[in-house]
Amino acid sequence: MVRRDIMLVCAMVLGVAFAQPVWAQCRGGGAAGGGGTGATTGDTGAFLESPNTTGGRLLTGPGSWYSMMLQQQQAYEHWQRQQYIAALVQAQQRAERNERREKAARERRADELYRREARRRQ
């Protein structure tokens, strides 16, 4: 069960990682032609980026390293919550099973004491 959950989380993370296009970090500006705030030089026509054009987007834009790490962290936290809930359920089942065993043991002990007392009276 745990192995299947881990494999599912890994598959989701890899699926998200490969679903993002390679140029995802340049959406909305930058050298990929997204219409940023850069300027072209007159004589060469080369694209010059201003320092603030996509620097923030590289870390926080869609498909960025940061968003991938955030998604991975969320998947891990989801997995941890599932493990915590599973552990709580197991602990509750274990407690109920122990309670049933103790009750059965008390009943057996009471029956044995009753039989001993009945034999003594005869």
PDB file of N, CA and C in Angstrom:
ATOM      1  N   MET A   1       0.833  -1.194   0.000  1.00  0.00           N
ATOM      2  CA  MET A   1       0.000   0.000   0.000  1.00  0.00           C
ATOM      3  C   MET A   1       0.877   1.257   0.000  1.00  0.00           C
ATOM      4  N   VAL A   2       1.874   1.275   0.895  1.00  0.00           N
ATOM      5  CA  VAL A   2       2.751   2.436   0.987  1.00  0.00           C
ATOM      6  C   VAL A   2       3.576   2.561  -0.287  1.00  0.00           C
ATOM      7  N   ARG A   3       4.075   1.440  -0.792  1.00  0.00           N
ATOM      8  CA  ARG A   3       4.886   1.467  -2.004  1.00  0.00           C
ATOM      9  C   ARG A   3       4.076   2.020  -3.167  1.00  0.00           C
ATOM     10  N   ARG A   4       2.794   1.626  -3.260  1.00  0.00           N
ATOM     11  CA  ARG A   4       1.942   2.117  -4.336  1.00  0.00           C
ATOM     12  C   ARG A   4       1.719   3.629  -4.199  1.00  0.00           C
ATOM     13  N   ASP A   5       1.547   4.099  -2.967  1.00  0.00           N
ATOM     14  CA  ASP A   5       1.363   5.538  -2.749  1.00  0.00           C
ATOM     15  C   ASP A   5       2.612   6.311  -3.138  1.00  0.00           C
ATOM     16  N   ILE A   6       3.774   5.787  -2.782  1.00  0.00           N
ATOM     17  CA  ILE A   6       5.020   6.463  -3.126  1.00  0.00           C
ATOM     18  C   ILE A   6       5.195   6.498  -4.639  1.00  0.00           C
ATOM     19  N   MET A   7       4.882   5.383  -5.296  1.00  0.00           N
ATOM     20  CA  MET A   7       5.009   5.344  -6.748  1.00  0.00           C
ATOM     21  C   MET A   7       4.034   6.323  -7.398  1.00  0.00           C
ATOM     22  N   LEU A   8       2.838   6.454  -6.833  1.00  0.00           N
ATOM     23  CA  LEU A   8       1.855   7.390  -7.366  1.00  0.00           C
ATOM     24  C   LEU A   8       2.353   8.825  -7.242  1.00  0.00           C
ATOM     25  N   VAL A   9       2.915   9.167  -6.099  1.00  0.00           N
ATOM     26  CA  VAL A   9       3.444  10.518  -5.887  1.00  0.00           C
ATOM     27  C   VAL A   9       4.593  10.784  -6.853  1.00  0.00           C
ATOM     28  N   CYS A  10       5.483   9.811  -7.010  1.00  0.00           N
ATOM     29  CA  CYS A  10       6.602   9.985  -7.945  1.00  0.00           C
ATOM     30  C   CYS A  10       6.105  10.157  -9.372  1.00  0.00           C
ATOM     31  N   ALA A  11       5.100   9.378  -9.746  1.00  0.00           N
ATOM     32  CA  ALA A  11       4.549   9.492 -11.091  1.00  0.00           C
ATOM     33  C   ALA A  11       3.915  10.868 -11.301  1.00  0.00           C
ATOM     34  N   MET A  12       3.230  11.374 -10.268  1.00  0.00           N
ATOM     35  CA  MET A  12       2.611  12.697 -10.390  1.00  0.00           C
ATOM     36  C   MET A  12       3.680  13.777 -10.539  1.00  0.00           C
ATOM     37  N   VAL A  13       4.739  13.692  -9.736  1.00  0.00           N
ATOM     38  CA  VAL A  13       5.792  14.701  -9.797  1.00  0.00           C
ATOM     39  C   VAL A  13       6.482  14.654 -11.158  1.00  0.00           C
ATOM     40  N   LEU A  14       6.796  13.454 -11.636  1.00  0.00           N
ATOM     41  CA  LEU A  14       7.436  13.341 -12.940  1.00  0.00           C
ATOM     42  C   LEU A  14       6.496  13.787 -14.051  1.00  0.00           C
ATOM     43  N   GLY A  15       5.221  13.467 -13.927  1.00  0.00           N
ATOM     44  CA  GLY A  15       4.248  13.895 -14.933  1.00  0.00           C
ATOM     45  C   GLY A  15       4.163  15.405 -15.020  1.00  0.00           C
ATOM     46  N   VAL A  16       4.154  16.053 -13.873  1.00  0.00           N
ATOM     47  CA  VAL A  16       4.116  17.513 -13.861  1.00  0.00           C
ATOM     48  C   VAL A  16       5.411  18.078 -14.425  1.00  0.00           C
ATOM     49  N   ALA A  17       6.520  17.441 -14.087  1.00  0.00           N
ATOM     50  CA  ALA A  17       7.818  17.937 -14.554  1.00  0.00           C
ATOM     51  C   ALA A  17       7.916  17.852 -16.079  1.00  0.00           C
ATOM     52  N   PHE A  18       7.452  16.757 -16.661  1.00  0.00           N
ATOM     53  CA  PHE A  18       7.570  16.588 -18.105  1.00  0.00           C
ATOM     54  C   PHE A  18       6.423  17.236 -18.872  1.00  0.00           C
ATOM     55  N   ALA A  19       5.357  17.612 -18.182  1.00  0.00           N
ATOM     56  CA  ALA A  19       4.244  18.248 -18.860  1.00  0.00           C
ATOM     57  C   ALA A  19       4.528  19.723 -19.159  1.00  0.00           C
ATOM     58  N   GLN A  20       5.446  20.325 -18.430  1.00  0.00           N
ATOM     59  CA  GLN A  20       5.771  21.728 -18.624  1.00  0.00           C
ATOM     60  C   GLN A  20       6.645  21.868 -19.870  1.00  0.00           C
ATOM     61  N   PRO A  21       6.337  22.807 -20.742  1.00  0.00           N
ATOM     62  CA  PRO A  21       7.195  23.016 -21.898  1.00  0.00           C
ATOM     63  C   PRO A  21       8.562  23.544 -21.469  1.00  0.00           C
ATOM     64  N   VAL A  22       9.547  23.318 -22.298  1.00  0.00           N
ATOM     65  CA  VAL A  22      10.908  23.730 -21.978  1.00  0.00           C
ATOM     66  C   VAL A  22      10.994  25.240 -21.843  1.00  0.00           C
ATOM     67  N   TRP A  23      10.243  25.971 -22.615  1.00  0.00           N
ATOM     68  CA  TRP A  23      10.318  27.432 -22.585  1.00  0.00           C
ATOM     69  C   TRP A  23       9.380  28.038 -21.559  1.00  0.00           C
ATOM     70  N   ALA A  24       8.885  27.261 -20.629  1.00  0.00           N
ATOM     71  CA  ALA A  24       7.900  27.752 -19.666  1.00  0.00           C
ATOM     72  C   ALA A  24       8.436  28.909 -18.836  1.00  0.00           C
ATOM     73  N   GLN A  25       9.719  28.943 -18.585  1.00  0.00           N
ATOM     74  CA  GLN A  25      10.263  30.005 -17.755  1.00  0.00           C
ATOM     75  C   GLN A  25      10.286  31.336 -18.482  1.00  0.00           C
ATOM     76  N   CYS A  26      10.164  31.339 -19.795  1.00  0.00           N
ATOM     77  CA  CYS A  26      10.251  32.559 -20.561  1.00  0.00           C
ATOM     78  C   CYS A  26       8.883  33.091 -20.979  1.00  0.00           C
ATOM     79  N   ARG A  27       7.801  32.457 -20.535  1.00  0.00           N
ATOM     80  CA  ARG A  27       6.485  32.965 -20.889  1.00  0.00           C
ATOM     81  C   ARG A  27       6.308  34.378 -20.360  1.00  0.00           C
ATOM     82  N   GLY A  28       5.768  35.233 -21.160  1.00  0.00           N
ATOM     83  CA  GLY A  28       5.501  36.589 -20.718  1.00  0.00           C
ATOM     84  C   GLY A  28       6.694  37.508 -20.847  1.00  0.00           C
ATOM     85  N   GLY A  29       7.776  37.076 -21.397  1.00  0.00           N
ATOM     86  CA  GLY A  29       8.917  37.968 -21.557  1.00  0.00           C
ATOM     87  C   GLY A  29      10.197  37.204 -21.718  1.00  0.00           C
ATOM     88  N   GLY A  30      11.222  37.910 -22.054  1.00  0.00           N
ATOM     89  CA  GLY A  30      12.524  37.295 -22.140  1.00  0.00           C
ATOM     90  C   GLY A  30      12.907  36.930 -23.566  1.00  0.00           C
ATOM     91  N   ALA A  31      13.929  36.132 -23.679  1.00  0.00           N
ATOM     92  CA  ALA A  31      14.515  35.819 -24.975  1.00  0.00           C
ATOM     93  C   ALA A  31      13.655  34.894 -25.810  1.00  0.00           C
ATOM     94  N   ALA A  32      12.657  34.272 -25.245  1.00  0.00           N
ATOM     95  CA  ALA A  32      11.829  33.342 -26.012  1.00  0.00           C
ATOM     96  C   ALA A  32      10.790  34.080 -26.842  1.00  0.00           C
ATOM     97  N   GLY A  33      10.842  35.399 -26.856  1.00  0.00           N
ATOM     98  CA  GLY A  33       9.926  36.166 -27.699  1.00  0.00           C
ATOM     99  C   GLY A  33       8.573  36.371 -27.069  1.00  0.00           C
ATOM    100  N   GLY A  34       8.517  36.418 -25.781  1.00  0.00           N
ATOM    101  CA  GLY A  34       7.242  36.578 -25.102  1.00  0.00           C
ATOM    102  C   GLY A  34       6.830  38.020 -24.933  1.00  0.00           C
ATOM    103  N   GLY A  35       7.572  38.957 -25.467  1.00  0.00           N
ATOM    104  CA  GLY A  35       7.187  40.365 -25.382  1.00  0.00           C
ATOM    105  C   GLY A  35       7.519  40.994 -24.059  1.00  0.00           C
ATOM    106  N   GLY A  36       8.708  40.813 -23.586  1.00  0.00           N
ATOM    107  CA  GLY A  36       9.106  41.375 -22.298  1.00  0.00           C
ATOM    108  C   GLY A  36       9.422  42.854 -22.421  1.00  0.00           C
ATOM    109  N   THR A  37      10.208  43.338 -21.486  1.00  0.00           N
ATOM    110  CA  THR A  37      10.561  44.758 -21.470  1.00  0.00           C
ATOM    111  C   THR A  37      11.933  44.985 -22.064  1.00  0.00           C
ATOM    112  N   GLY A  38      12.462  43.999 -22.745  1.00  0.00           N
ATOM    113  CA  GLY A  38      13.797  44.149 -23.332  1.00  0.00           C
ATOM    114  C   GLY A  38      13.757  45.100 -24.523  1.00  0.00           C
ATOM    115  N   ALA A  39      14.927  45.441 -25.037  1.00  0.00           N
ATOM    116  CA  ALA A  39      15.020  46.330 -26.187  1.00  0.00           C
ATOM    117  C   ALA A  39      15.985  45.730 -27.191  1.00  0.00           C
ATOM    118  N   THR A  40      15.843  46.092 -28.436  1.00  0.00           N
ATOM    119  CA  THR A  40      16.783  45.601 -29.448  1.00  0.00           C
ATOM    120  C   THR A  40      17.735  46.717 -29.798  1.00  0.00           C
ATOM    121  N   THR A  41      18.937  46.325 -30.150  1.00  0.00           N
ATOM    122  CA  THR A  41      19.903  47.334 -30.558  1.00  0.00           C
ATOM    123  C   THR A  41      19.653  47.672 -32.020  1.00  0.00           C
ATOM    124  N   GLY A  42      19.956  48.870 -32.398  1.00  0.00           N
ATOM    125  CA  GLY A  42      19.664  49.317 -33.752  1.00  0.00           C
ATOM    126  C   GLY A  42      20.522  48.665 -34.811  1.00  0.00           C
ATOM    127  N   ASP A  43      21.812  48.516 -34.564  1.00  0.00           N
ATOM    128  CA  ASP A  43      22.698  48.040 -35.627  1.00  0.00           C
ATOM    129  C   ASP A  43      22.730  46.516 -35.733  1.00  0.00           C
ATOM    130  N   THR A  44      22.612  45.761 -34.603  1.00  0.00           N
ATOM    131  CA  THR A  44      22.714  44.310 -34.697  1.00  0.00           C
ATOM    132  C   THR A  44      21.351  43.627 -34.649  1.00  0.00           C
ATOM    133  N   GLY A  45      20.366  44.275 -34.081  1.00  0.00           N
ATOM    134  CA  GLY A  45      19.053  43.656 -33.943  1.00  0.00           C
ATOM    135  C   GLY A  45      19.025  42.615 -32.845  1.00  0.00           C
ATOM    136  N   ALA A  46      20.073  42.529 -32.055  1.00  0.00           N
ATOM    137  CA  ALA A  46      20.123  41.532 -30.979  1.00  0.00           C
ATOM    138  C   ALA A  46      19.201  41.958 -29.843  1.00  0.00           C
ATOM    139  N   PHE A  47      18.630  40.996 -29.202  1.00  0.00           N
ATOM    140  CA  PHE A  47      17.697  41.262 -28.115  1.00  0.00           C
ATOM    141  C   PHE A  47      18.477  41.457 -26.825  1.00  0.00           C
ATOM    142  N   LEU A  48      18.266  42.599 -26.184  1.00  0.00           N
ATOM    143  CA  LEU A  48      18.923  42.863 -24.917  1.00  0.00           C
ATOM    144  C   LEU A  48      17.870  42.849 -23.821  1.00  0.00           C
ATOM    145  N   GLU A  49      18.086  42.037 -22.844  1.00  0.00           N
ATOM    146  CA  GLU A  49      17.142  41.957 -21.731  1.00  0.00           C
ATOM    147  C   GLU A  49      17.556  42.920 -20.644  1.00  0.00           C
ATOM    148  N   SER A  50      16.565  43.546 -20.051  1.00  0.00           N
ATOM    149  CA  SER A  50      16.878  44.304 -18.851  1.00  0.00           C
ATOM    150  C   SER A  50      17.019  43.296 -17.716  1.00  0.00           C
ATOM    151  N   PRO A  51      17.739  43.616 -16.664  1.00  0.00           N
ATOM    152  CA  PRO A  51      17.981  42.646 -15.604  1.00  0.00           C
ATOM    153  C   PRO A  51      16.699  42.156 -14.929  1.00  0.00           C
ATOM    154  N   ASN A  52      15.641  42.962 -14.919  1.00  0.00           N
ATOM    155  CA  ASN A  52      14.423  42.580 -14.209  1.00  0.00           C
ATOM    156  C   ASN A  52      13.367  41.983 -15.123  1.00  0.00           C
ATOM    157  N   THR A  53      13.681  41.715 -16.367  1.00  0.00           N
ATOM    158  CA  THR A  53      12.676  41.220 -17.301  1.00  0.00           C
ATOM    159  C   THR A  53      12.124  39.873 -16.870  1.00  0.00           C
ATOM    160  N   THR A  54      12.984  38.871 -16.750  1.00  0.00           N
ATOM    161  CA  THR A  54      12.499  37.537 -16.398  1.00  0.00           C
ATOM    162  C   THR A  54      13.206  36.965 -15.191  1.00  0.00           C
ATOM    163  N   GLY A  55      14.032  37.727 -14.530  1.00  0.00           N
ATOM    164  CA  GLY A  55      14.753  37.201 -13.374  1.00  0.00           C
ATOM    165  C   GLY A  55      13.826  36.675 -12.307  1.00  0.00           C
ATOM    166  N   GLY A  56      12.760  37.411 -12.027  1.00  0.00           N
ATOM    167  CA  GLY A  56      11.793  36.952 -11.039  1.00  0.00           C
ATOM    168  C   GLY A  56      10.993  35.777 -11.546  1.00  0.00           C
ATOM    169  N   ARG A  57      10.711  35.767 -12.849  1.00  0.00           N
ATOM    170  CA  ARG A  57       9.921  34.672 -13.413  1.00  0.00           C
ATOM    171  C   ARG A  57      10.693  33.358 -13.443  1.00  0.00           C
ATOM    172  N   LEU A  58      12.009  33.429 -13.512  1.00  0.00           N
ATOM    173  CA  LEU A  58      12.794  32.199 -13.511  1.00  0.00           C
ATOM    174  C   LEU A  58      12.596  31.434 -12.210  1.00  0.00           C
ATOM    175  N   LEU A  59      12.363  32.158 -11.134  1.00  0.00           N
ATOM    176  CA  LEU A  59      12.184  31.501  -9.847  1.00  0.00           C
ATOM    177  C   LEU A  59      10.725  31.350  -9.445  1.00  0.00           C
ATOM    178  N   THR A  60       9.848  32.231  -9.923  1.00  0.00           N
ATOM    179  CA  THR A  60       8.465  32.184  -9.447  1.00  0.00           C
ATOM    180  C   THR A  60       7.435  32.013 -10.543  1.00  0.00           C
ATOM    181  N   GLY A  61       7.817  32.046 -11.785  1.00  0.00           N
ATOM    182  CA  GLY A  61       6.845  31.930 -12.872  1.00  0.00           C
ATOM    183  C   GLY A  61       6.342  30.511 -13.046  1.00  0.00           C
ATOM    184  N   PRO A  62       5.359  30.324 -13.932  1.00  0.00           N
ATOM    185  CA  PRO A  62       4.834  28.976 -14.160  1.00  0.00           C
ATOM    186  C   PRO A  62       5.911  28.068 -14.749  1.00  0.00           C
ATOM    187  N   GLY A  63       6.016  26.864 -14.225  1.00  0.00           N
ATOM    188  CA  GLY A  63       7.012  25.926 -14.704  1.00  0.00           C
ATOM    189  C   GLY A  63       8.406  26.201 -14.198  1.00  0.00           C
ATOM    190  N   SER A  64       8.544  27.110 -13.270  1.00  0.00           N
ATOM    191  CA  SER A  64       9.864  27.462 -12.762  1.00  0.00           C
ATOM    192  C   SER A  64      10.350  26.415 -11.770  1.00  0.00           C
ATOM    193  N   TRP A  65      11.603  26.550 -11.423  1.00  0.00           N
ATOM    194  CA  TRP A  65      12.190  25.656 -10.434  1.00  0.00           C
ATOM    195  C   TRP A  65      11.430  25.748  -9.129  1.00  0.00           C
ATOM    196  N   TYR A  66      11.085  26.961  -8.724  1.00  0.00           N
ATOM    197  CA  TYR A  66      10.384  27.169  -7.469  1.00  0.00           C
ATOM    198  C   TYR A  66       9.011  26.498  -7.494  1.00  0.00           C
ATOM    199  N   SER A  67       8.270  26.666  -8.590  1.00  0.00           N
ATOM    200  CA  SER A  67       6.937  26.057  -8.641  1.00  0.00           C
ATOM    201  C   SER A  67       7.035  24.541  -8.655  1.00  0.00           C
ATOM    202  N   MET A  68       8.061  23.999  -9.290  1.00  0.00           N
ATOM    203  CA  MET A  68       8.244  22.550  -9.283  1.00  0.00           C
ATOM    204  C   MET A  68       8.565  22.058  -7.870  1.00  0.00           C
ATOM    205  N   MET A  69       9.426  22.776  -7.162  1.00  0.00           N
ATOM    206  CA  MET A  69       9.754  22.397  -5.793  1.00  0.00           C
ATOM    207  C   MET A  69       8.524  22.529  -4.894  1.00  0.00           C
ATOM    208  N   LEU A  70       7.717  23.565  -5.138  1.00  0.00           N
ATOM    209  CA  LEU A  70       6.494  23.755  -4.361  1.00  0.00           C
ATOM    210  C   LEU A  70       5.522  22.609  -4.596  1.00  0.00           C
ATOM    211  N   GLN A  71       5.374  22.193  -5.847  1.00  0.00           N
ATOM    212  CA  GLN A  71       4.495  21.065  -6.158  1.00  0.00           C
ATOM    213  C   GLN A  71       5.025  19.780  -5.533  1.00  0.00           C
ATOM    214  N   GLN A  72       6.320  19.593  -5.564  1.00  0.00           N
ATOM    215  CA  GLN A  72       6.907  18.400  -4.959  1.00  0.00           C
ATOM    216  C   GLN A  72       6.689  18.418  -3.449  1.00  0.00           C
ATOM    217  N   GLN A  73       6.851  19.580  -2.842  1.00  0.00           N
ATOM    218  CA  GLN A  73       6.631  19.704  -1.402  1.00  0.00           C
ATOM    219  C   GLN A  73       5.179  19.423  -1.056  1.00  0.00           C
ATOM    220  N   GLN A  74       4.247  19.932  -1.854  1.00  0.00           N
ATOM    221  CA  GLN A  74       2.833  19.680  -1.610  1.00  0.00           C
ATOM    222  C   GLN A  74       2.501  18.203  -1.754  1.00  0.00           C
ATOM    223  N   ALA A  75       3.082  17.554  -2.746  1.00  0.00           N
ATOM    224  CA  ALA A  75       2.855  16.117  -2.919  1.00  0.00           C
ATOM    225  C   ALA A  75       3.408  15.343  -1.725  1.00  0.00           C
ATOM    226  N   TYR A  76       4.575  15.749  -1.244  1.00  0.00           N
ATOM    227  CA  TYR A  76       5.177  15.084  -0.091  1.00  0.00           C
ATOM    228  C   TYR A  76       4.328  15.295   1.160  1.00  0.00           C
ATOM    229  N   GLU A  77       3.836  16.525   1.362  1.00  0.00           N
ATOM    230  CA  GLU A  77       2.984  16.797   2.515  1.00  0.00           C
ATOM    231  C   GLU A  77       1.688  16.008   2.437  1.00  0.00           C
ATOM    232  N   HIS A  78       1.131  15.857   1.230  1.00  0.00           N
ATOM    233  CA  HIS A  78      -0.072  15.051   1.055  1.00  0.00           C
ATOM    234  C   HIS A  78       0.216  13.596   1.434  1.00  0.00           C
ATOM    235  N   TRP A  79       1.357  13.096   1.009  1.00  0.00           N
ATOM    236  CA  TRP A  79       1.748  11.733   1.337  1.00  0.00           C
ATOM    237  C   TRP A  79       1.923  11.577   2.844  1.00  0.00           C
ATOM    238  N   GLN A  80       2.533  12.591   3.475  1.00  0.00           N
ATOM    239  CA  GLN A  80       2.716  12.541   4.928  1.00  0.00           C
ATOM    240  C   GLN A  80       1.376  12.516   5.650  1.00  0.00           C
ATOM    241  N   ARG A  81       0.413  13.337   5.176  1.00  0.00           N
ATOM    242  CA  ARG A  81      -0.918  13.327   5.786  1.00  0.00           C
ATOM    243  C   ARG A  81      -1.564  11.960   5.652  1.00  0.00           C
ATOM    244  N   GLN A  82      -1.428  11.338   4.480  1.00  0.00           N
ATOM    245  CA  GLN A  82      -1.985  10.007   4.285  1.00  0.00           C
ATOM    246  C   GLN A  82      -1.344   9.003   5.241  1.00  0.00           C
ATOM    247  N   GLN A  83      -0.029   9.099   5.407  1.00  0.00           N
ATOM    248  CA  GLN A  83       0.664   8.194   6.317  1.00  0.00           C
ATOM    249  C   GLN A  83       0.212   8.422   7.760  1.00  0.00           C
ATOM    250  N   TYR A  84       0.022   9.674   8.144  1.00  0.00           N
ATOM    251  CA  TYR A  84      -0.420  10.007   9.495  1.00  0.00           C
ATOM    252  C   TYR A  84      -1.810   9.441   9.745  1.00  0.00           C
ATOM    253  N   ILE A  85      -2.706   9.616   8.778  1.00  0.00           N
ATOM    254  CA  ILE A  85      -4.070   9.103   8.920  1.00  0.00           C
ATOM    255  C   ILE A  85      -4.046   7.578   8.999  1.00  0.00           C
ATOM    256  N   ALA A  86      -3.238   6.940   8.165  1.00  0.00           N
ATOM    257  CA  ALA A  86      -3.131   5.482   8.194  1.00  0.00           C
ATOM    258  C   ALA A  86      -2.603   5.014   9.551  1.00  0.00           C
ATOM    259  N   ALA A  87      -1.629   5.735  10.097  1.00  0.00           N
ATOM    260  CA  ALA A  87      -1.087   5.364  11.410  1.00  0.00           C
ATOM    261  C   ALA A  87      -2.145   5.530  12.500  1.00  0.00           C
ATOM    262  N   LEU A  88      -2.944   6.587  12.419  1.00  0.00           N
ATOM    263  CA  LEU A  88      -4.020   6.775  13.393  1.00  0.00           C
ATOM    264  C   LEU A  88      -5.039   5.652  13.312  1.00  0.00           C
ATOM    265  N   VAL A  89      -5.404   5.268  12.104  1.00  0.00           N
ATOM    266  CA  VAL A  89      -6.377   4.185  11.926  1.00  0.00           C
ATOM    267  C   VAL A  89      -5.821   2.887  12.491  1.00  0.00           C
ATOM    268  N   GLN A  90      -4.556   2.601  12.199  1.00  0.00           N
ATOM    269  CA  GLN A  90      -3.937   1.381  12.722  1.00  0.00           C
ATOM    270  C   GLN A  90      -3.876   1.397  14.244  1.00  0.00           C
ATOM    271  N   ALA A  91      -3.551   2.545  14.817  1.00  0.00           N
ATOM    272  CA  ALA A  91      -3.484   2.652  16.275  1.00  0.00           C
ATOM    273  C   ALA A  91      -4.865   2.436  16.890  1.00  0.00           C
ATOM    274  N   GLN A  92      -5.881   2.986  16.263  1.00  0.00           N
ATOM    275  CA  GLN A  92      -7.242   2.805  16.763  1.00  0.00           C
ATOM    276  C   GLN A  92      -7.654   1.334  16.662  1.00  0.00           C
ATOM    277  N   GLN A  93      -7.347   0.694  15.552  1.00  0.00           N
ATOM    278  CA  GLN A  93      -7.671  -0.726  15.400  1.00  0.00           C
ATOM    279  C   GLN A  93      -6.929  -1.572  16.423  1.00  0.00           C
ATOM    280  N   ARG A  94      -5.654  -1.238  16.654  1.00  0.00           N
ATOM    281  CA  ARG A  94      -4.861  -1.965  17.636  1.00  0.00           C
ATOM    282  C   ARG A  94      -5.451  -1.792  19.032  1.00  0.00           C
ATOM    283  N   ALA A  95      -5.871  -0.565  19.374  1.00  0.00           N
ATOM    284  CA  ALA A  95      -6.456  -0.313  20.683  1.00  0.00           C
ATOM    285  C   ALA A  95      -7.772  -1.078  20.854  1.00  0.00           C
ATOM    286  N   GLU A  96      -8.604  -1.090  19.801  1.00  0.00           N
ATOM    287  CA  GLU A  96      -9.863  -1.832  19.878  1.00  0.00           C
ATOM    288  C   GLU A  96      -9.608  -3.327  20.029  1.00  0.00           C
ATOM    289  N   ARG A  97      -8.626  -3.849  19.294  1.00  0.00           N
ATOM    290  CA  ARG A  97      -8.292  -5.274  19.380  1.00  0.00           C
ATOM    291  C   ARG A  97      -7.792  -5.616  20.784  1.00  0.00           C
ATOM    292  N   ASN A  98      -6.936  -4.758  21.354  1.00  0.00           N
ATOM    293  CA  ASN A  98      -6.442  -4.998  22.713  1.00  0.00           C
ATOM    294  C   ASN A  98      -7.567  -4.917  23.726  1.00  0.00           C
ATOM    295  N   GLU A  99      -8.481  -3.984  23.517  1.00  0.00           N
ATOM    296  CA  GLU A  99      -9.618  -3.858  24.431  1.00  0.00           C
ATOM    297  C   GLU A  99     -10.489  -5.111  24.389  1.00  0.00           C
ATOM    298  N   ARG A 100     -10.730  -5.648  23.186  1.00  0.00           N
ATOM    299  CA  ARG A 100     -11.520  -6.886  23.071  1.00  0.00           C
ATOM    300  C   ARG A 100     -10.809  -8.046  23.754  1.00  0.00           C
ATOM    301  N   ARG A 101      -9.491  -8.129  23.592  1.00  0.00           N
ATOM    302  CA  ARG A 101      -8.727  -9.195  24.233  1.00  0.00           C
ATOM    303  C   ARG A 101      -8.789  -9.095  25.750  1.00  0.00           C
ATOM    304  N   GLU A 102      -8.630  -7.865  26.254  1.00  0.00           N
ATOM    305  CA  GLU A 102      -8.690  -7.681  27.710  1.00  0.00           C
ATOM    306  C   GLU A 102     -10.072  -8.013  28.255  1.00  0.00           C
ATOM    307  N   LYS A 103     -11.098  -7.636  27.534  1.00  0.00           N
ATOM    308  CA  LYS A 103     -12.461  -7.944  27.971  1.00  0.00           C
ATOM    309  C   LYS A 103     -12.686  -9.456  28.002  1.00  0.00           C
ATOM    310  N   ALA A 104     -12.232 -10.137  26.946  1.00  0.00           N
ATOM    311  CA  ALA A 104     -12.367 -11.596  26.909  1.00  0.00           C
ATOM    312  C   ALA A 104     -11.578 -12.235  28.048  1.00  0.00           C
ATOM    313  N   ALA A 105     -10.383 -11.728  28.336  1.00  0.00           N
ATOM    314  CA  ALA A 105      -9.569 -12.269  29.436  1.00  0.00           C
ATOM    315  C   ALA A 105     -10.266 -12.036  30.775  1.00  0.00           C
ATOM    316  N   ARG A 106     -10.839 -10.864  30.987  1.00  0.00           N
ATOM    317  CA  ARG A 106     -11.570 -10.590  32.232  1.00  0.00           C
ATOM    318  C   ARG A 106     -12.760 -11.534  32.382  1.00  0.00           C
ATOM    319  N   GLU A 107     -13.470 -11.769  31.276  1.00  0.00           N
ATOM    320  CA  GLU A 107     -14.624 -12.668  31.328  1.00  0.00           C
ATOM    321  C   GLU A 107     -14.190 -14.099  31.643  1.00  0.00           C
ATOM    322  N   ARG A 108     -13.090 -14.550  31.014  1.00  0.00           N
ATOM    323  CA  ARG A 108     -12.588 -15.894  31.305  1.00  0.00           C
ATOM    324  C   ARG A 108     -12.178 -16.010  32.776  1.00  0.00           C
ATOM    325  N   ARG A 109     -11.511 -14.970  33.259  1.00  0.00           N
ATOM    326  CA  ARG A 109     -11.075 -14.976  34.654  1.00  0.00           C
ATOM    327  C   ARG A 109     -12.283 -14.991  35.594  1.00  0.00           C
ATOM    328  N   ALA A 110     -13.299 -14.208  35.300  1.00  0.00           N
ATOM    329  CA  ALA A 110     -14.505 -14.189  36.136  1.00  0.00           C
ATOM    330  C   ALA A 110     -15.199 -15.544  36.100  1.00  0.00           C
ATOM    331  N   ASP A 111     -15.281 -16.170  34.929  1.00  0.00           N
ATOM    332  CA  ASP A 111     -15.891 -17.500  34.828  1.00  0.00           C
ATOM    333  C   ASP A 111     -15.110 -18.524  35.652  1.00  0.00           C
ATOM    334  N   GLU A 112     -13.790 -18.461  35.555  1.00  0.00           N
ATOM    335  CA  GLU A 112     -12.953 -19.404  36.315  1.00  0.00           C
ATOM    336  C   GLU A 112     -13.144 -19.208  37.820  1.00  0.00           C
ATOM    337  N   LEU A 113     -13.164 -17.956  38.261  1.00  0.00           N
ATOM    338  CA  LEU A 113     -13.382 -17.686  39.692  1.00  0.00           C
ATOM    339  C   LEU A 113     -14.762 -18.162  40.131  1.00  0.00           C
ATOM    340  N   TYR A 114     -15.763 -18.007  39.297  1.00  0.00           N
ATOM    341  CA  TYR A 114     -17.122 -18.460  39.620  1.00  0.00           C
ATOM    342  C   TYR A 114     -17.136 -19.981  39.751  1.00  0.00           C
ATOM    343  N   ARG A 115     -16.478 -20.693  38.825  1.00  0.00           N
ATOM    344  CA  ARG A 115     -16.437 -22.160  38.886  1.00  0.00           C
ATOM    345  C   ARG A 115     -15.700 -22.640  40.133  1.00  0.00           C
ATOM    346  N   ARG A 116     -14.601 -21.989  40.476  1.00  0.00           N
ATOM    347  CA  ARG A 116     -13.863 -22.367  41.679  1.00  0.00           C
ATOM    348  C   ARG A 116     -14.722 -22.181  42.933  1.00  0.00           C
ATOM    349  N   GLU A 117     -15.406 -21.054  42.987  1.00  0.00           N
ATOM    350  CA  GLU A 117     -16.267 -20.792  44.127  1.00  0.00           C
ATOM    351  C   GLU A 117     -17.410 -21.802  44.204  1.00  0.00           C
ATOM    352  N   ALA A 118     -17.960 -22.183  43.058  1.00  0.00           N
ATOM    353  CA  ALA A 118     -19.045 -23.161  43.026  1.00  0.00           C
ATOM    354  C   ALA A 118     -18.532 -24.536  43.505  1.00  0.00           C
ATOM    355  N   ARG A 119     -17.323 -24.924  43.107  1.00  0.00           N
ATOM    356  CA  ARG A 119     -16.749 -26.207  43.549  1.00  0.00           C
ATOM    357  C   ARG A 119     -16.490 -26.204  45.043  1.00  0.00           C
ATOM    358  N   ARG A 120     -16.030 -25.084  45.580  1.00  0.00           N
ATOM    359  CA  ARG A 120     -15.765 -24.977  47.009  1.00  0.00           C
ATOM    360  C   ARG A 120     -17.053 -25.143  47.826  1.00  0.00           C
ATOM    361  N   ARG A 121     -18.123 -24.578  47.315  1.00  0.00           N
ATOM    362  CA  ARG A 121     -19.412 -24.656  48.025  1.00  0.00           C
ATOM    363  C   ARG A 121     -19.942 -26.092  48.049  1.00  0.00           C
ATOM    364  N   GLN A 122     -19.653 -26.863  47.010  1.00  0.00           N
ATOM    365  CA  GLN A 122     -20.178 -28.246  46.967  1.00  0.00           C
ATOM    366  C   GLN A 122     -19.384 -29.074  47.914  1.00  0.00           C
TER     367      GLN A 122
END
